[in-house]
N, C-alpha and C. Protein backbone atom coordinates (compact mmCIF):
# COMPACT_ATOMS: atom_id res chain seq x y z
N MET A 1 0.84 -1.17 0.00
CA MET A 1 0.00 0.00 0.00
C MET A 1 0.89 1.24 0.00
N ALA A 2 0.73 2.06 -1.00
CA ALA A 2 1.54 3.27 -1.12
C ALA A 2 0.96 4.38 -0.25
N THR A 3 1.82 5.05 0.44
CA THR A 3 1.37 6.18 1.25
C THR A 3 1.96 7.46 0.70
N LYS A 4 1.21 8.50 0.83
CA LYS A 4 1.66 9.80 0.34
C LYS A 4 2.45 10.48 1.45
N LYS A 5 3.67 10.82 1.13
CA LYS A 5 4.52 11.47 2.12
C LYS A 5 4.42 12.97 1.91
N HIS A 6 4.15 13.66 2.97
CA HIS A 6 4.08 15.11 2.92
C HIS A 6 5.39 15.68 3.44
N LYS A 7 6.05 16.42 2.61
CA LYS A 7 7.27 17.07 3.03
C LYS A 7 6.94 18.49 3.45
N LYS A 8 7.21 18.80 4.68
CA LYS A 8 6.97 20.13 5.19
C LYS A 8 8.25 20.93 5.05
N ARG A 9 8.20 21.93 4.20
CA ARG A 9 9.34 22.82 4.07
C ARG A 9 9.23 23.91 5.10
N LEU A 10 10.34 24.27 5.64
CA LEU A 10 10.37 25.34 6.62
C LEU A 10 10.14 26.65 5.89
N LEU A 11 9.05 27.31 6.24
CA LEU A 11 8.72 28.58 5.61
C LEU A 11 9.31 29.71 6.45
N VAL A 12 10.19 30.45 5.83
CA VAL A 12 10.79 31.60 6.50
C VAL A 12 10.87 32.75 5.52
N GLY A 13 10.86 33.94 6.06
CA GLY A 13 11.07 35.13 5.26
C GLY A 13 10.11 35.28 4.10
N ASN A 14 10.69 35.47 2.93
CA ASN A 14 9.91 35.73 1.72
C ASN A 14 9.00 34.56 1.35
N ARG A 15 9.45 33.34 1.58
CA ARG A 15 8.62 32.16 1.28
C ARG A 15 7.34 32.16 2.11
N LYS A 16 7.46 32.52 3.38
CA LYS A 16 6.30 32.54 4.26
C LYS A 16 5.31 33.61 3.80
N ILE A 17 5.81 34.77 3.43
CA ILE A 17 4.95 35.86 2.97
C ILE A 17 4.23 35.46 1.68
N LYS A 18 4.96 34.85 0.76
CA LYS A 18 4.35 34.41 -0.49
C LYS A 18 3.28 33.36 -0.24
N GLU A 19 3.51 32.47 0.70
CA GLU A 19 2.53 31.44 1.01
C GLU A 19 1.28 32.05 1.63
N VAL A 20 1.43 33.03 2.49
CA VAL A 20 0.27 33.72 3.07
C VAL A 20 -0.53 34.36 1.95
N ASN A 21 0.15 35.07 1.05
CA ASN A 21 -0.53 35.71 -0.07
C ASN A 21 -1.28 34.68 -0.92
N ARG A 22 -0.63 33.56 -1.19
CA ARG A 22 -1.25 32.52 -2.01
C ARG A 22 -2.50 31.97 -1.34
N LEU A 23 -2.41 31.71 -0.05
CA LEU A 23 -3.56 31.16 0.67
C LEU A 23 -4.73 32.14 0.73
N ILE A 24 -4.43 33.41 0.94
CA ILE A 24 -5.51 34.40 0.97
C ILE A 24 -6.16 34.50 -0.40
N ARG A 25 -5.35 34.53 -1.45
CA ARG A 25 -5.92 34.60 -2.81
C ARG A 25 -6.75 33.36 -3.12
N LEU A 26 -6.29 32.20 -2.68
CA LEU A 26 -7.04 30.97 -2.89
C LEU A 26 -8.38 31.03 -2.14
N ALA A 27 -8.36 31.51 -0.91
CA ALA A 27 -9.59 31.65 -0.13
C ALA A 27 -10.55 32.61 -0.82
N ARG A 28 -10.03 33.71 -1.38
CA ARG A 28 -10.88 34.66 -2.09
C ARG A 28 -11.51 34.02 -3.32
N THR A 29 -10.74 33.20 -4.02
CA THR A 29 -11.27 32.50 -5.19
C THR A 29 -12.40 31.57 -4.79
N LYS A 30 -12.19 30.85 -3.71
CA LYS A 30 -13.23 29.94 -3.21
C LYS A 30 -14.46 30.72 -2.77
N TRP A 31 -14.26 31.88 -2.15
CA TRP A 31 -15.36 32.73 -1.72
C TRP A 31 -16.19 33.19 -2.93
N ASP A 32 -15.50 33.66 -3.95
CA ASP A 32 -16.19 34.13 -5.16
C ASP A 32 -16.96 33.02 -5.85
N ALA A 33 -16.48 31.78 -5.72
CA ALA A 33 -17.13 30.63 -6.32
C ALA A 33 -18.21 30.03 -5.40
N HIS A 34 -18.47 30.66 -4.26
CA HIS A 34 -19.46 30.20 -3.29
C HIS A 34 -19.15 28.82 -2.74
N GLU A 35 -17.87 28.51 -2.63
CA GLU A 35 -17.43 27.24 -2.03
C GLU A 35 -17.05 27.53 -0.58
N ASN A 36 -18.07 27.62 0.26
CA ASN A 36 -17.89 28.11 1.62
C ASN A 36 -16.98 27.25 2.48
N ALA A 37 -17.13 25.96 2.42
CA ALA A 37 -16.29 25.08 3.24
C ALA A 37 -14.82 25.19 2.83
N ALA A 38 -14.59 25.20 1.52
CA ALA A 38 -13.22 25.32 1.03
C ALA A 38 -12.64 26.69 1.37
N CYS A 39 -13.48 27.72 1.28
CA CYS A 39 -13.03 29.06 1.64
C CYS A 39 -12.64 29.12 3.11
N ARG A 40 -13.46 28.55 3.95
CA ARG A 40 -13.17 28.54 5.40
C ARG A 40 -11.86 27.82 5.69
N ARG A 41 -11.65 26.69 5.04
CA ARG A 41 -10.42 25.91 5.25
C ARG A 41 -9.19 26.71 4.85
N GLU A 42 -9.22 27.31 3.68
CA GLU A 42 -8.06 28.08 3.21
C GLU A 42 -7.87 29.35 4.02
N ARG A 43 -8.96 29.97 4.44
CA ARG A 43 -8.87 31.17 5.27
C ARG A 43 -8.24 30.84 6.62
N GLU A 44 -8.61 29.72 7.19
CA GLU A 44 -8.04 29.32 8.47
C GLU A 44 -6.54 29.04 8.34
N ARG A 45 -6.14 28.42 7.24
CA ARG A 45 -4.72 28.18 7.00
C ARG A 45 -3.97 29.49 6.83
N ALA A 46 -4.57 30.39 6.05
CA ALA A 46 -3.94 31.70 5.83
C ALA A 46 -3.83 32.47 7.13
N MET A 47 -4.89 32.46 7.93
CA MET A 47 -4.89 33.20 9.19
C MET A 47 -3.85 32.63 10.15
N ALA A 48 -3.74 31.32 10.22
CA ALA A 48 -2.76 30.70 11.12
C ALA A 48 -1.34 31.09 10.72
N LEU A 49 -1.05 31.05 9.44
CA LEU A 49 0.28 31.42 8.98
C LEU A 49 0.51 32.92 9.11
N TYR A 50 -0.51 33.72 8.84
CA TYR A 50 -0.40 35.18 8.96
C TYR A 50 -0.06 35.57 10.40
N GLN A 51 -0.64 34.89 11.35
CA GLN A 51 -0.40 35.21 12.75
C GLN A 51 1.01 34.89 13.20
N THR A 52 1.75 34.11 12.42
CA THR A 52 3.14 33.82 12.76
C THR A 52 4.09 34.89 12.23
N LEU A 53 3.59 35.79 11.39
CA LEU A 53 4.44 36.85 10.84
C LEU A 53 4.66 37.95 11.87
N ASP A 54 5.83 38.56 11.82
CA ASP A 54 6.05 39.72 12.68
C ASP A 54 5.51 40.96 11.97
N ALA A 55 5.55 42.11 12.63
CA ALA A 55 4.95 43.34 12.11
C ALA A 55 5.55 43.75 10.77
N ALA A 56 6.85 43.63 10.62
CA ALA A 56 7.49 44.02 9.37
C ALA A 56 7.07 43.10 8.22
N GLU A 57 6.94 41.82 8.51
CA GLU A 57 6.52 40.87 7.48
C GLU A 57 5.06 41.09 7.09
N ARG A 58 4.22 41.41 8.08
CA ARG A 58 2.81 41.66 7.79
C ARG A 58 2.64 42.85 6.85
N GLU A 59 3.51 43.83 6.97
CA GLU A 59 3.45 45.00 6.09
C GLU A 59 3.75 44.63 4.65
N GLN A 60 4.43 43.51 4.42
CA GLN A 60 4.77 43.08 3.07
C GLN A 60 3.61 42.35 2.39
N VAL A 61 2.61 41.97 3.16
CA VAL A 61 1.40 41.37 2.58
C VAL A 61 0.58 42.54 2.03
N PRO A 62 0.16 42.48 0.76
CA PRO A 62 -0.61 43.59 0.19
C PRO A 62 -1.82 43.96 1.04
N GLN A 63 -2.06 45.24 1.16
CA GLN A 63 -3.13 45.72 2.04
C GLN A 63 -4.49 45.16 1.65
N VAL A 64 -4.75 45.03 0.37
CA VAL A 64 -6.05 44.51 -0.06
C VAL A 64 -6.27 43.08 0.45
N LEU A 65 -5.19 42.29 0.52
CA LEU A 65 -5.31 40.93 1.05
C LEU A 65 -5.49 40.93 2.55
N ARG A 66 -4.76 41.81 3.24
CA ARG A 66 -4.90 41.90 4.70
C ARG A 66 -6.31 42.34 5.08
N VAL A 67 -6.84 43.32 4.37
CA VAL A 67 -8.19 43.81 4.66
C VAL A 67 -9.21 42.71 4.41
N TRP A 68 -9.08 42.00 3.29
CA TRP A 68 -10.03 40.92 3.00
C TRP A 68 -9.97 39.86 4.09
N LEU A 69 -8.78 39.49 4.49
CA LEU A 69 -8.63 38.45 5.51
C LEU A 69 -9.28 38.88 6.82
N ARG A 70 -9.03 40.08 7.24
CA ARG A 70 -9.63 40.59 8.48
C ARG A 70 -11.14 40.72 8.36
N TYR A 71 -11.60 41.33 7.27
CA TYR A 71 -13.03 41.57 7.10
C TYR A 71 -13.81 40.27 7.04
N ARG A 72 -13.36 39.36 6.22
CA ARG A 72 -14.06 38.08 6.13
C ARG A 72 -13.96 37.31 7.44
N SER A 73 -12.84 37.42 8.09
CA SER A 73 -12.65 36.69 9.34
C SER A 73 -13.62 37.17 10.40
N GLU A 74 -13.76 38.49 10.51
CA GLU A 74 -14.63 39.05 11.55
C GLU A 74 -16.11 38.92 11.18
N LYS A 75 -16.45 39.31 9.97
CA LYS A 75 -17.86 39.39 9.60
C LYS A 75 -18.50 38.02 9.38
N TYR A 76 -17.82 37.15 8.66
CA TYR A 76 -18.45 35.90 8.27
C TYR A 76 -17.97 34.68 9.03
N PHE A 77 -16.74 34.71 9.51
CA PHE A 77 -16.19 33.51 10.14
C PHE A 77 -15.83 33.74 11.60
N GLY A 78 -16.29 34.83 12.18
CA GLY A 78 -15.95 35.16 13.55
C GLY A 78 -16.45 34.13 14.54
N GLU A 79 -15.80 34.10 15.66
CA GLU A 79 -16.19 33.16 16.71
C GLU A 79 -17.61 33.49 17.20
N GLY A 80 -18.39 32.48 17.46
CA GLY A 80 -19.73 32.67 17.99
C GLY A 80 -20.77 32.95 16.92
N ARG A 81 -20.39 32.92 15.68
CA ARG A 81 -21.33 33.19 14.57
C ARG A 81 -22.30 32.03 14.49
N LYS A 82 -23.59 32.35 14.54
CA LYS A 82 -24.63 31.31 14.54
C LYS A 82 -25.04 30.87 13.16
N GLY A 83 -24.87 31.74 12.16
CA GLY A 83 -25.26 31.38 10.82
C GLY A 83 -26.70 31.72 10.50
N ASN A 84 -27.45 32.21 11.49
CA ASN A 84 -28.85 32.54 11.24
C ASN A 84 -29.09 34.04 11.19
N GLY A 85 -28.02 34.81 11.17
CA GLY A 85 -28.15 36.26 11.08
C GLY A 85 -28.38 36.93 12.43
N ALA A 86 -28.37 36.18 13.50
CA ALA A 86 -28.64 36.74 14.82
C ALA A 86 -27.55 37.70 15.28
N ASN A 87 -26.32 37.52 14.80
CA ASN A 87 -25.20 38.37 15.23
C ASN A 87 -24.91 39.49 14.27
N SER A 88 -25.79 39.79 13.36
CA SER A 88 -25.51 40.82 12.35
C SER A 88 -25.48 42.19 12.95
């Protein structure tokens, strides 16, 4: 039985920033396609990696991506969101 081996590359510096950008863009694509579960998964990955960046690295992420990540995170995926519009 063949198993798929996942190689985890150490993301540092520019690689980490590029990966954050890629994940946010992927989440936005999923959002635009109304693929909510996939969007949530990619957004969570992007947010987790984004939170590991220091302040200088965060500034290197384009502002439009940072704003989208924050806005979608708070408005649609925030903690305690019921999904029935009660927290609007």
